[in-house]
């Protein structure tokens, strides 16, 4: 019996480790290792520069910290460089727009994936086609329409406009992304809810929406990061100092470096702007990976 068990264990080990397969994967491993090391070095240098002085950065001594750690760079960036304003604006735009996207996309994706009606395929095809339209193609008509409304001089209207634009532009992607998650849920849940007397709307909110939670979390992270890093729309419609998001704000700071020369403060600003999306992804990366790999499995 012991010999049989050992033989089975050996065969399992051979099945798990295939030398020829691993050799074929060496180029992929090499590229992945190079990319990880390169990213680590770049981010490490930026982090070190944010705690150094401008002189240390230009003399190549950012990693040595010969003059100590300069935490005042972050305080100066947050207050003097208006990073607090840009950060708050982006957090407001990203949070509200992501919430509205989920509220709009989840019911739409559920209806398109679970109910059969005449225009179903046409609507799905239209959403896929809308995803292929670049923003640059619609920016001129949008700007002409908004300029005609004379709302670009009011900060409140600009904030509402940015949320509306961010939500509308990302709706096609959000609906298409959630389609597979709702389509892969078993119909037995709805049948059981119908027997218990639940209406279709109540079934969606009470049963189907919580079951699609992995996809909703993943979509929320993707949309939040996408809106947080968006630049082109913000540059056109939200270029005022009080309504700028972080992308446009950082660009303005880089331009001002020509005159102030505070490069250490700029790198501190970069870390502040980068930190929320980095923490968000690190905190939810397991759910994101599991939802992506499990979204295509029939439930």
C-alpha atoms as a PDB file:
ATOM      1  CA  UNK A   1       0.000   0.000   0.000  1.00  0.00           C
ATOM      2  CA  UNK A   2       2.838   2.375   0.867  1.00  0.00           C
ATOM      3  CA  UNK A   3       4.496   1.754  -2.488  1.00  0.00           C
ATOM      4  CA  UNK A   4       1.210   2.428  -4.294  1.00  0.00           C
ATOM      5  CA  UNK A   5       0.737   5.673  -2.366  1.00  0.00           C
ATOM      6  CA  UNK A   6       4.293   6.791  -3.116  1.00  0.00           C
ATOM      7  CA  UNK A   7       3.789   6.009  -6.787  1.00  0.00           C
ATOM      8  CA  UNK A   8       0.643   8.118  -6.859  1.00  0.00           C
ATOM      9  CA  UNK A   9       2.403  11.002  -5.161  1.00  0.00           C
ATOM     10  CA  UNK A  10       5.280  10.850  -7.650  1.00  0.00           C
ATOM     11  CA  UNK A  11       2.886  10.834 -10.576  1.00  0.00           C
ATOM     12  CA  UNK A  12       1.081  13.853  -9.120  1.00  0.00           C
ATOM     13  CA  UNK A  13       4.383  15.698  -8.726  1.00  0.00           C
ATOM     14  CA  UNK A  14       5.266  14.946 -12.343  1.00  0.00           C
ATOM     15  CA  UNK A  15       1.861  16.139 -13.443  1.00  0.00           C
ATOM     16  CA  UNK A  16       2.276  19.362 -11.490  1.00  0.00           C
ATOM     17  CA  UNK A  17       5.791  20.148 -12.707  1.00  0.00           C
ATOM     18  CA  UNK A  18       6.453  19.858 -16.435  1.00  0.00           C
ATOM     19  CA  UNK A  19      10.043  20.858 -17.251  1.00  0.00           C
ATOM     20  CA  UNK A  20       9.449  21.335 -20.979  1.00  0.00           C
ATOM     21  CA  UNK A  21       6.419  23.506 -20.307  1.00  0.00           C
ATOM     22  CA  UNK A  22       8.344  25.620 -17.801  1.00  0.00           C
ATOM     23  CA  UNK A  23      11.218  26.082 -20.273  1.00  0.00           C
ATOM     24  CA  UNK A  24       8.779  27.364 -22.886  1.00  0.00           C
ATOM     25  CA  UNK A  25       7.489  29.862 -20.344  1.00  0.00           C
ATOM     26  CA  UNK A  26      10.948  31.289 -19.556  1.00  0.00           C
ATOM     27  CA  UNK A  27      10.630  34.230 -22.036  1.00  0.00           C
ATOM     28  CA  UNK A  28       7.325  35.174 -20.445  1.00  0.00           C
ATOM     29  CA  UNK A  29       8.815  34.934 -16.970  1.00  0.00           C
ATOM     30  CA  UNK A  30      11.772  37.079 -18.067  1.00  0.00           C
ATOM     31  CA  UNK A  31       9.515  39.805 -19.466  1.00  0.00           C
ATOM     32  CA  UNK A  32       7.346  39.746 -16.334  1.00  0.00           C
ATOM     33  CA  UNK A  33      10.368  39.955 -14.010  1.00  0.00           C
ATOM     34  CA  UNK A  34      11.867  42.802 -16.069  1.00  0.00           C
ATOM     35  CA  UNK A  35       8.580  44.727 -15.944  1.00  0.00           C
ATOM     36  CA  UNK A  36       8.203  44.224 -12.172  1.00  0.00           C
ATOM     37  CA  UNK A  37      11.787  45.312 -11.479  1.00  0.00           C
ATOM     38  CA  UNK A  38      11.490  48.327 -13.799  1.00  0.00           C
ATOM     39  CA  UNK A  39       8.212  49.433 -12.187  1.00  0.00           C
ATOM     40  CA  UNK A  40       9.639  48.920  -8.697  1.00  0.00           C
ATOM     41  CA  UNK A  41      12.718  51.014  -9.505  1.00  0.00           C
ATOM     42  CA  UNK A  42      10.702  53.855 -11.059  1.00  0.00           C
ATOM     43  CA  UNK A  43       8.179  54.005  -8.224  1.00  0.00           C
ATOM     44  CA  UNK A  44      10.964  53.671  -5.674  1.00  0.00           C
ATOM     45  CA  UNK A  45      12.855  56.573  -7.213  1.00  0.00           C
ATOM     46  CA  UNK A  46       9.757  58.788  -7.264  1.00  0.00           C
ATOM     47  CA  UNK A  47       9.032  57.906  -3.630  1.00  0.00           C
ATOM     48  CA  UNK A  48      12.620  58.637  -2.618  1.00  0.00           C
ATOM     49  CA  UNK A  49      12.580  61.938  -4.544  1.00  0.00           C
ATOM     50  CA  UNK A  50       9.415  62.987  -2.697  1.00  0.00           C
ATOM     51  CA  UNK A  51      11.339  62.800   0.599  1.00  0.00           C
ATOM     52  CA  UNK A  52      14.480  64.508  -0.738  1.00  0.00           C
ATOM     53  CA  UNK A  53      15.350  68.043  -1.755  1.00  0.00           C
ATOM     54  CA  UNK A  54      15.509  69.481  -5.246  1.00  0.00           C
ATOM     55  CA  UNK A  55      19.304  69.704  -4.929  1.00  0.00           C
ATOM     56  CA  UNK A  56      19.574  65.996  -4.000  1.00  0.00           C
ATOM     57  CA  UNK A  57      17.400  65.067  -6.985  1.00  0.00           C
ATOM     58  CA  UNK A  58      19.612  66.906  -9.482  1.00  0.00           C
ATOM     59  CA  UNK A  59      22.852  65.642  -7.935  1.00  0.00           C
ATOM     60  CA  UNK A  60      21.643  62.024  -8.036  1.00  0.00           C
ATOM     61  CA  UNK A  61      21.560  61.626  -4.257  1.00  0.00           C
ATOM     62  CA  UNK A  62      17.827  61.124  -3.843  1.00  0.00           C
ATOM     63  CA  UNK A  63      18.311  57.588  -2.494  1.00  0.00           C
ATOM     64  CA  UNK A  64      21.026  58.603  -0.023  1.00  0.00           C
ATOM     65  CA  UNK A  65      18.849  60.939   2.089  1.00  0.00           C
ATOM     66  CA  UNK A  66      21.997  62.812   3.113  1.00  0.00           C
ATOM     67  CA  UNK A  67      19.912  65.711   4.448  1.00  0.00           C
ATOM     68  CA  UNK A  68      17.283  63.488   6.079  1.00  0.00           C
ATOM     69  CA  UNK A  69      13.667  62.768   5.226  1.00  0.00           C
ATOM     70  CA  UNK A  70      11.768  65.896   4.218  1.00  0.00           C
ATOM     71  CA  UNK A  71       8.156  65.251   5.204  1.00  0.00           C
ATOM     72  CA  UNK A  72       7.476  68.951   4.729  1.00  0.00           C
ATOM     73  CA  UNK A  73       7.377  68.292   0.968  1.00  0.00           C
ATOM     74  CA  UNK A  74       4.002  66.620   1.433  1.00  0.00           C
ATOM     75  CA  UNK A  75       2.645  69.377   3.625  1.00  0.00           C
ATOM     76  CA  UNK A  76       3.833  71.991   1.149  1.00  0.00           C
ATOM     77  CA  UNK A  77       2.367  70.076  -1.813  1.00  0.00           C
ATOM     78  CA  UNK A  78      -0.959  69.568  -0.062  1.00  0.00           C
ATOM     79  CA  UNK A  79      -1.378  73.222   0.937  1.00  0.00           C
ATOM     80  CA  UNK A  80       0.786  75.489  -1.218  1.00  0.00           C
ATOM     81  CA  UNK A  81       0.461  73.571  -4.497  1.00  0.00           C
ATOM     82  CA  UNK A  82      -3.351  73.203  -4.236  1.00  0.00           C
ATOM     83  CA  UNK A  83      -3.118  69.412  -4.285  1.00  0.00           C
ATOM     84  CA  UNK A  84      -5.821  69.303  -1.600  1.00  0.00           C
ATOM     85  CA  UNK A  85      -8.247  71.052  -3.988  1.00  0.00           C
ATOM     86  CA  UNK A  86      -7.387  68.793  -6.935  1.00  0.00           C
ATOM     87  CA  UNK A  87      -7.557  65.700  -4.725  1.00  0.00           C
ATOM     88  CA  UNK A  88     -10.975  66.639  -3.336  1.00  0.00           C
ATOM     89  CA  UNK A  89     -12.345  67.421  -6.798  1.00  0.00           C
ATOM     90  CA  UNK A  90     -11.189  64.099  -8.247  1.00  0.00           C
ATOM     91  CA  UNK A  91     -12.493  62.185  -5.248  1.00  0.00           C
ATOM     92  CA  UNK A  92     -15.881  63.886  -5.655  1.00  0.00           C
ATOM     93  CA  UNK A  93     -16.066  63.281  -9.421  1.00  0.00           C
ATOM     94  CA  UNK A  94     -14.875  59.671  -9.210  1.00  0.00           C
ATOM     95  CA  UNK A  95     -17.070  58.629  -6.280  1.00  0.00           C
ATOM     96  CA  UNK A  96     -20.323  60.156  -7.504  1.00  0.00           C
ATOM     97  CA  UNK A  97     -19.790  59.096 -11.129  1.00  0.00           C
ATOM     98  CA  UNK A  98     -18.930  55.512 -10.145  1.00  0.00           C
ATOM     99  CA  UNK A  99     -22.014  55.294  -7.939  1.00  0.00           C
ATOM    100  CA  UNK A 100     -24.258  56.591 -10.737  1.00  0.00           C
ATOM    101  CA  UNK A 101     -22.646  54.170 -13.184  1.00  0.00           C
ATOM    102  CA  UNK A 102     -23.530  51.199 -10.984  1.00  0.00           C
ATOM    103  CA  UNK A 103     -27.084  52.463 -10.448  1.00  0.00           C
ATOM    104  CA  UNK A 104     -27.596  52.844 -14.218  1.00  0.00           C
ATOM    105  CA  UNK A 105     -25.558  49.951 -15.595  1.00  0.00           C
ATOM    106  CA  UNK A 106     -26.618  47.167 -13.204  1.00  0.00           C
ATOM    107  CA  UNK A 107     -30.389  47.274 -13.968  1.00  0.00           C
ATOM    108  CA  UNK A 108     -29.686  47.772 -17.687  1.00  0.00           C
ATOM    109  CA  UNK A 109     -27.277  44.824 -17.823  1.00  0.00           C
ATOM    110  CA  UNK A 110     -29.721  42.660 -15.876  1.00  0.00           C
ATOM    111  CA  UNK A 111     -32.587  43.455 -18.237  1.00  0.00           C
ATOM    112  CA  UNK A 112     -30.484  42.876 -21.363  1.00  0.00           C
ATOM    113  CA  UNK A 113     -29.080  39.585 -20.092  1.00  0.00           C
ATOM    114  CA  UNK A 114     -32.228  38.029 -18.591  1.00  0.00           C
ATOM    115  CA  UNK A 115     -35.125  39.228 -20.736  1.00  0.00           C
ATOM    116  CA  UNK A 116     -35.722  38.626 -24.440  1.00  0.00           C
ATOM    117  CA  UNK A 117     -37.315  41.447 -26.417  1.00  0.00           C
ATOM    118  CA  UNK A 118     -37.178  42.767 -29.963  1.00  0.00           C
ATOM    119  CA  UNK A 119     -34.470  45.434 -29.572  1.00  0.00           C
ATOM    120  CA  UNK A 120     -32.257  43.430 -27.197  1.00  0.00           C
ATOM    121  CA  UNK A 121     -29.529  42.498 -29.672  1.00  0.00           C
ATOM    122  CA  UNK A 122     -29.732  45.908 -31.327  1.00  0.00           C
ATOM    123  CA  UNK A 123     -29.147  47.694 -27.996  1.00  0.00           C
ATOM    124  CA  UNK A 124     -26.211  45.447 -27.128  1.00  0.00           C
ATOM    125  CA  UNK A 125     -24.663  46.024 -30.558  1.00  0.00           C
ATOM    126  CA  UNK A 126     -25.175  49.751 -30.138  1.00  0.00           C
ATOM    127  CA  UNK A 127     -23.406  49.715 -26.761  1.00  0.00           C
ATOM    128  CA  UNK A 128     -20.465  47.800 -28.218  1.00  0.00           C
ATOM    129  CA  UNK A 129     -20.277  50.287 -31.114  1.00  0.00           C
ATOM    130  CA  UNK A 130     -20.415  53.209 -28.650  1.00  0.00           C
ATOM    131  CA  UNK A 131     -17.376  51.818 -26.841  1.00  0.00           C
ATOM    132  CA  UNK A 132     -15.404  52.149 -30.064  1.00  0.00           C
ATOM    133  CA  UNK A 133     -16.119  55.873 -30.491  1.00  0.00           C
ATOM    134  CA  UNK A 134     -13.137  57.915 -29.190  1.00  0.00           C
ATOM    135  CA  UNK A 135     -13.869  60.915 -26.997  1.00  0.00           C
ATOM    136  CA  UNK A 136     -11.995  63.223 -29.370  1.00  0.00           C
ATOM    137  CA  UNK A 137     -14.704  62.667 -32.011  1.00  0.00           C
ATOM    138  CA  UNK A 138     -17.497  63.978 -29.792  1.00  0.00           C
ATOM    139  CA  UNK A 139     -15.643  66.660 -27.874  1.00  0.00           C
ATOM    140  CA  UNK A 140     -16.358  69.493 -30.353  1.00  0.00           C
ATOM    141  CA  UNK A 141     -20.149  68.949 -30.481  1.00  0.00           C
ATOM    142  CA  UNK A 142     -20.176  68.608 -26.699  1.00  0.00           C
ATOM    143  CA  UNK A 143     -18.208  71.802 -26.190  1.00  0.00           C
ATOM    144  CA  UNK A 144     -20.434  73.708 -28.637  1.00  0.00           C
ATOM    145  CA  UNK A 145     -23.530  72.507 -26.794  1.00  0.00           C
ATOM    146  CA  UNK A 146     -22.148  73.338 -23.359  1.00  0.00           C
ATOM    147  CA  UNK A 147     -20.806  76.724 -24.471  1.00  0.00           C
ATOM    148  CA  UNK A 148     -24.267  77.564 -25.827  1.00  0.00           C
ATOM    149  CA  UNK A 149     -25.760  76.921 -22.392  1.00  0.00           C
ATOM    150  CA  UNK A 150     -23.392  79.480 -20.783  1.00  0.00           C
ATOM    151  CA  UNK A 151     -22.650  77.309 -17.745  1.00  0.00           C
ATOM    152  CA  UNK A 152     -18.841  77.184 -17.907  1.00  0.00           C
ATOM    153  CA  UNK A 153     -18.529  80.219 -15.635  1.00  0.00           C
ATOM    154  CA  UNK A 154     -20.359  78.543 -12.739  1.00  0.00           C
ATOM    155  CA  UNK A 155     -18.383  76.067 -10.616  1.00  0.00           C
ATOM    156  CA  UNK A 156     -21.471  74.156  -9.479  1.00  0.00           C
ATOM    157  CA  UNK A 157     -22.669  73.629 -13.053  1.00  0.00           C
ATOM    158  CA  UNK A 158     -19.191  72.543 -14.114  1.00  0.00           C
ATOM    159  CA  UNK A 159     -19.086  69.905 -11.360  1.00  0.00           C
ATOM    160  CA  UNK A 160     -22.496  68.583 -12.376  1.00  0.00           C
ATOM    161  CA  UNK A 161     -21.414  68.613 -16.019  1.00  0.00           C
ATOM    162  CA  UNK A 162     -18.240  66.621 -15.293  1.00  0.00           C
ATOM    163  CA  UNK A 163     -20.185  63.973 -13.384  1.00  0.00           C
ATOM    164  CA  UNK A 164     -22.708  63.780 -16.224  1.00  0.00           C
ATOM    165  CA  UNK A 165     -19.960  63.400 -18.840  1.00  0.00           C
ATOM    166  CA  UNK A 166     -17.966  60.835 -16.875  1.00  0.00           C
ATOM    167  CA  UNK A 167     -21.090  58.787 -16.244  1.00  0.00           C
ATOM    168  CA  UNK A 168     -22.425  58.954 -19.780  1.00  0.00           C
ATOM    169  CA  UNK A 169     -19.137  58.108 -21.486  1.00  0.00           C
ATOM    170  CA  UNK A 170     -18.524  55.053 -19.264  1.00  0.00           C
ATOM    171  CA  UNK A 171     -22.079  53.645 -19.352  1.00  0.00           C
ATOM    172  CA  UNK A 172     -21.552  51.433 -22.470  1.00  0.00           C
ATOM    173  CA  UNK A 173     -18.468  49.786 -20.973  1.00  0.00           C
ATOM    174  CA  UNK A 174     -20.168  49.313 -17.593  1.00  0.00           C
ATOM    175  CA  UNK A 175     -23.244  47.626 -19.093  1.00  0.00           C
ATOM    176  CA  UNK A 176     -21.227  45.325 -21.375  1.00  0.00           C
ATOM    177  CA  UNK A 177     -18.934  44.421 -18.471  1.00  0.00           C
ATOM    178  CA  UNK A 178     -21.851  43.387 -16.228  1.00  0.00           C
ATOM    179  CA  UNK A 179     -23.746  41.482 -18.922  1.00  0.00           C
ATOM    180  CA  UNK A 180     -21.739  38.282 -18.484  1.00  0.00           C
ATOM    181  CA  UNK A 181     -22.071  38.331 -14.698  1.00  0.00           C
ATOM    182  CA  UNK A 182     -25.869  38.512 -14.802  1.00  0.00           C
ATOM    183  CA  UNK A 183     -26.092  36.096 -17.726  1.00  0.00           C
ATOM    184  CA  UNK A 184     -24.134  33.449 -15.785  1.00  0.00           C
ATOM    185  CA  UNK A 185     -26.432  33.523 -12.751  1.00  0.00           C
ATOM    186  CA  UNK A 186     -28.821  30.596 -12.483  1.00  0.00           C
ATOM    187  CA  UNK A 187     -32.481  31.166 -13.407  1.00  0.00           C
ATOM    188  CA  UNK A 188     -33.508  29.100 -10.374  1.00  0.00           C
ATOM    189  CA  UNK A 189     -33.010  32.153  -8.162  1.00  0.00           C
ATOM    190  CA  UNK A 190     -35.663  34.091 -10.069  1.00  0.00           C
ATOM    191  CA  UNK A 191     -38.003  31.125 -10.156  1.00  0.00           C
ATOM    192  CA  UNK A 192     -37.728  30.692  -6.388  1.00  0.00           C
ATOM    193  CA  UNK A 193     -38.268  34.425  -5.859  1.00  0.00           C
ATOM    194  CA  UNK A 194     -41.332  34.337  -8.115  1.00  0.00           C
ATOM    195  CA  UNK A 195     -42.798  31.474  -6.093  1.00  0.00           C
ATOM    196  CA  UNK A 196     -42.305  33.553  -2.939  1.00  0.00           C
ATOM    197  CA  UNK A 197     -44.196  36.426  -4.544  1.00  0.00           C
ATOM    198  CA  UNK A 198     -41.286  38.762  -5.375  1.00  0.00           C
ATOM    199  CA  UNK A 199     -41.799  41.174  -8.251  1.00  0.00           C
ATOM    200  CA  UNK A 200     -39.068  41.354 -10.949  1.00  0.00           C
ATOM    201  CA  UNK A 201     -37.816  44.677  -9.554  1.00  0.00           C
ATOM    202  CA  UNK A 202     -37.649  43.366  -5.998  1.00  0.00           C
ATOM    203  CA  UNK A 203     -35.952  40.176  -7.241  1.00  0.00           C
ATOM    204  CA  UNK A 204     -33.266  42.249  -8.898  1.00  0.00           C
ATOM    205  CA  UNK A 205     -32.490  44.486  -5.924  1.00  0.00           C
ATOM    206  CA  UNK A 206     -32.814  41.846  -3.201  1.00  0.00           C
ATOM    207  CA  UNK A 207     -31.367  38.745  -4.884  1.00  0.00           C
ATOM    208  CA  UNK A 208     -29.672  39.237  -8.258  1.00  0.00           C
ATOM    209  CA  UNK A 209     -27.738  42.410  -7.478  1.00  0.00           C
ATOM    210  CA  UNK A 210     -26.015  40.948  -4.366  1.00  0.00           C
ATOM    211  CA  UNK A 211     -25.144  37.807  -6.361  1.00  0.00           C
ATOM    212  CA  UNK A 212     -23.351  39.977  -8.930  1.00  0.00           C
ATOM    213  CA  UNK A 213     -21.317  41.699  -6.207  1.00  0.00           C
ATOM    214  CA  UNK A 214     -17.885  40.487  -7.481  1.00  0.00           C
ATOM    215  CA  UNK A 215     -18.527  42.006 -10.901  1.00  0.00           C
ATOM    216  CA  UNK A 216     -19.874  45.223  -9.403  1.00  0.00           C
ATOM    217  CA  UNK A 217     -16.819  45.622  -7.145  1.00  0.00           C
ATOM    218  CA  UNK A 218     -14.473  45.041 -10.082  1.00  0.00           C
ATOM    219  CA  UNK A 219     -16.391  47.474 -12.288  1.00  0.00           C
ATOM    220  CA  UNK A 220     -16.373  50.082  -9.516  1.00  0.00           C
ATOM    221  CA  UNK A 221     -12.588  49.843  -9.187  1.00  0.00           C
ATOM    222  CA  UNK A 222     -12.021  50.077 -12.941  1.00  0.00           C
ATOM    223  CA  UNK A 223     -14.378  53.037 -13.352  1.00  0.00           C
ATOM    224  CA  UNK A 224     -12.996  54.853 -10.302  1.00  0.00           C
ATOM    225  CA  UNK A 225      -9.421  54.540 -11.558  1.00  0.00           C
ATOM    226  CA  UNK A 226     -10.428  55.503 -15.106  1.00  0.00           C
ATOM    227  CA  UNK A 227     -12.262  58.633 -13.966  1.00  0.00           C
ATOM    228  CA  UNK A 228      -9.526  59.517 -11.463  1.00  0.00           C
ATOM    229  CA  UNK A 229      -6.885  59.463 -14.218  1.00  0.00           C
ATOM    230  CA  UNK A 230      -9.011  61.097 -16.940  1.00  0.00           C
ATOM    231  CA  UNK A 231      -7.336  64.129 -18.511  1.00  0.00           C
ATOM    232  CA  UNK A 232      -8.808  65.210 -21.847  1.00  0.00           C
ATOM    233  CA  UNK A 233     -12.376  66.053 -20.772  1.00  0.00           C
ATOM    234  CA  UNK A 234     -11.101  67.735 -17.625  1.00  0.00           C
ATOM    235  CA  UNK A 235      -8.728  69.914 -19.615  1.00  0.00           C
ATOM    236  CA  UNK A 236     -11.564  71.137 -21.857  1.00  0.00           C
ATOM    237  CA  UNK A 237     -14.391  71.596 -19.356  1.00  0.00           C
ATOM    238  CA  UNK A 238     -12.792  71.856 -15.903  1.00  0.00           C
ATOM    239  CA  UNK A 239      -9.671  73.982 -16.315  1.00  0.00           C
ATOM    240  CA  UNK A 240     -10.553  76.446 -13.535  1.00  0.00           C
ATOM    241  CA  UNK A 241      -8.393  76.319 -10.402  1.00  0.00           C
ATOM    242  CA  UNK A 242     -11.340  75.516  -8.133  1.00  0.00           C
ATOM    243  CA  UNK A 243     -12.734  72.633 -10.228  1.00  0.00           C
ATOM    244  CA  UNK A 244      -9.583  71.009 -11.614  1.00  0.00           C
ATOM    245  CA  UNK A 245      -9.140  67.274 -10.981  1.00  0.00           C
ATOM    246  CA  UNK A 246      -5.739  65.776 -10.220  1.00  0.00           C
ATOM    247  CA  UNK A 247      -4.701  65.019 -13.821  1.00  0.00           C
ATOM    248  CA  UNK A 248      -5.059  68.623 -15.006  1.00  0.00           C
ATOM    249  CA  UNK A 249      -3.776  69.917 -11.686  1.00  0.00           C
ATOM    250  CA  UNK A 250      -0.565  67.904 -11.952  1.00  0.00           C
ATOM    251  CA  UNK A 251      -0.010  69.137 -15.484  1.00  0.00           C
ATOM    252  CA  UNK A 252      -0.353  72.728 -14.255  1.00  0.00           C
ATOM    253  CA  UNK A 253       2.118  72.017 -11.473  1.00  0.00           C
ATOM    254  CA  UNK A 254       4.641  70.569 -13.916  1.00  0.00           C
ATOM    255  CA  UNK A 255       4.365  73.728 -15.995  1.00  0.00           C
ATOM    256  CA  UNK A 256       4.860  75.885 -12.916  1.00  0.00           C
ATOM    257  CA  UNK A 257       8.062  73.983 -12.053  1.00  0.00           C
ATOM    258  CA  UNK A 258       9.763  76.033 -14.773  1.00  0.00           C
ATOM    259  CA  UNK A 259       9.437  79.045 -12.467  1.00  0.00           C
ATOM    260  CA  UNK A 260       9.395  77.662  -8.917  1.00  0.00           C
ATOM    261  CA  UNK A 261      11.848  74.777  -9.299  1.00  0.00           C
ATOM    262  CA  UNK A 262      10.280  72.814  -6.430  1.00  0.00           C
ATOM    263  CA  UNK A 263      10.746  69.353  -7.933  1.00  0.00           C
ATOM    264  CA  UNK A 264      10.681  67.592  -4.567  1.00  0.00           C
ATOM    265  CA  UNK A 265       7.243  69.069  -3.908  1.00  0.00           C
ATOM    266  CA  UNK A 266       6.085  67.942  -7.338  1.00  0.00           C
ATOM    267  CA  UNK A 267       7.135  64.339  -6.678  1.00  0.00           C
ATOM    268  CA  UNK A 268       5.338  64.494  -3.321  1.00  0.00           C
ATOM    269  CA  UNK A 269       2.239  65.614  -5.221  1.00  0.00           C
ATOM    270  CA  UNK A 270       2.609  62.667  -7.596  1.00  0.00           C
ATOM    271  CA  UNK A 271       2.701  60.232  -4.669  1.00  0.00           C
ATOM    272  CA  UNK A 272      -0.376  61.836  -3.080  1.00  0.00           C
ATOM    273  CA  UNK A 273      -2.312  61.561  -6.348  1.00  0.00           C
ATOM    274  CA  UNK A 274      -1.121  58.020  -7.048  1.00  0.00           C
ATOM    275  CA  UNK A 275      -1.773  56.656  -3.548  1.00  0.00           C
ATOM    276  CA  UNK A 276      -5.625  56.327  -3.550  1.00  0.00           C
ATOM    277  CA  UNK A 277      -5.851  54.201  -6.706  1.00  0.00           C
ATOM    278  CA  UNK A 278      -2.848  52.120  -5.616  1.00  0.00           C
ATOM    279  CA  UNK A 279      -4.340  51.403  -2.184  1.00  0.00           C
ATOM    280  CA  UNK A 280      -7.747  50.686  -3.728  1.00  0.00           C
ATOM    281  CA  UNK A 281      -6.315  48.150  -6.138  1.00  0.00           C
ATOM    282  CA  UNK A 282      -4.092  46.476  -3.543  1.00  0.00           C
ATOM    283  CA  UNK A 283      -7.014  46.179  -1.109  1.00  0.00           C
ATOM    284  CA  UNK A 284      -9.354  44.642  -3.695  1.00  0.00           C
ATOM    285  CA  UNK A 285      -6.967  42.861  -6.082  1.00  0.00           C
ATOM    286  CA  UNK A 286      -8.040  39.374  -4.976  1.00  0.00           C
ATOM    287  CA  UNK A 287     -11.695  40.138  -5.645  1.00  0.00           C
ATOM    288  CA  UNK A 288     -10.837  41.715  -8.980  1.00  0.00           C
ATOM    289  CA  UNK A 289      -8.839  38.690 -10.147  1.00  0.00           C
ATOM    290  CA  UNK A 290     -11.436  36.187  -8.911  1.00  0.00           C
ATOM    291  CA  UNK A 291     -14.306  38.068 -10.547  1.00  0.00           C
ATOM    292  CA  UNK A 292     -12.502  38.375 -13.870  1.00  0.00           C
ATOM    293  CA  UNK A 293     -11.541  34.703 -13.962  1.00  0.00           C
ATOM    294  CA  UNK A 294     -14.948  33.609 -12.690  1.00  0.00           C
ATOM    295  CA  UNK A 295     -17.057  35.939 -14.819  1.00  0.00           C
ATOM    296  CA  UNK A 296     -16.924  33.650 -17.814  1.00  0.00           C
ATOM    297  CA  UNK A 297     -17.836  30.463 -15.915  1.00  0.00           C
ATOM    298  CA  UNK A 298     -21.401  29.350 -16.349  1.00  0.00           C
ATOM    299  CA  UNK A 299     -23.163  29.278 -12.976  1.00  0.00           C
END
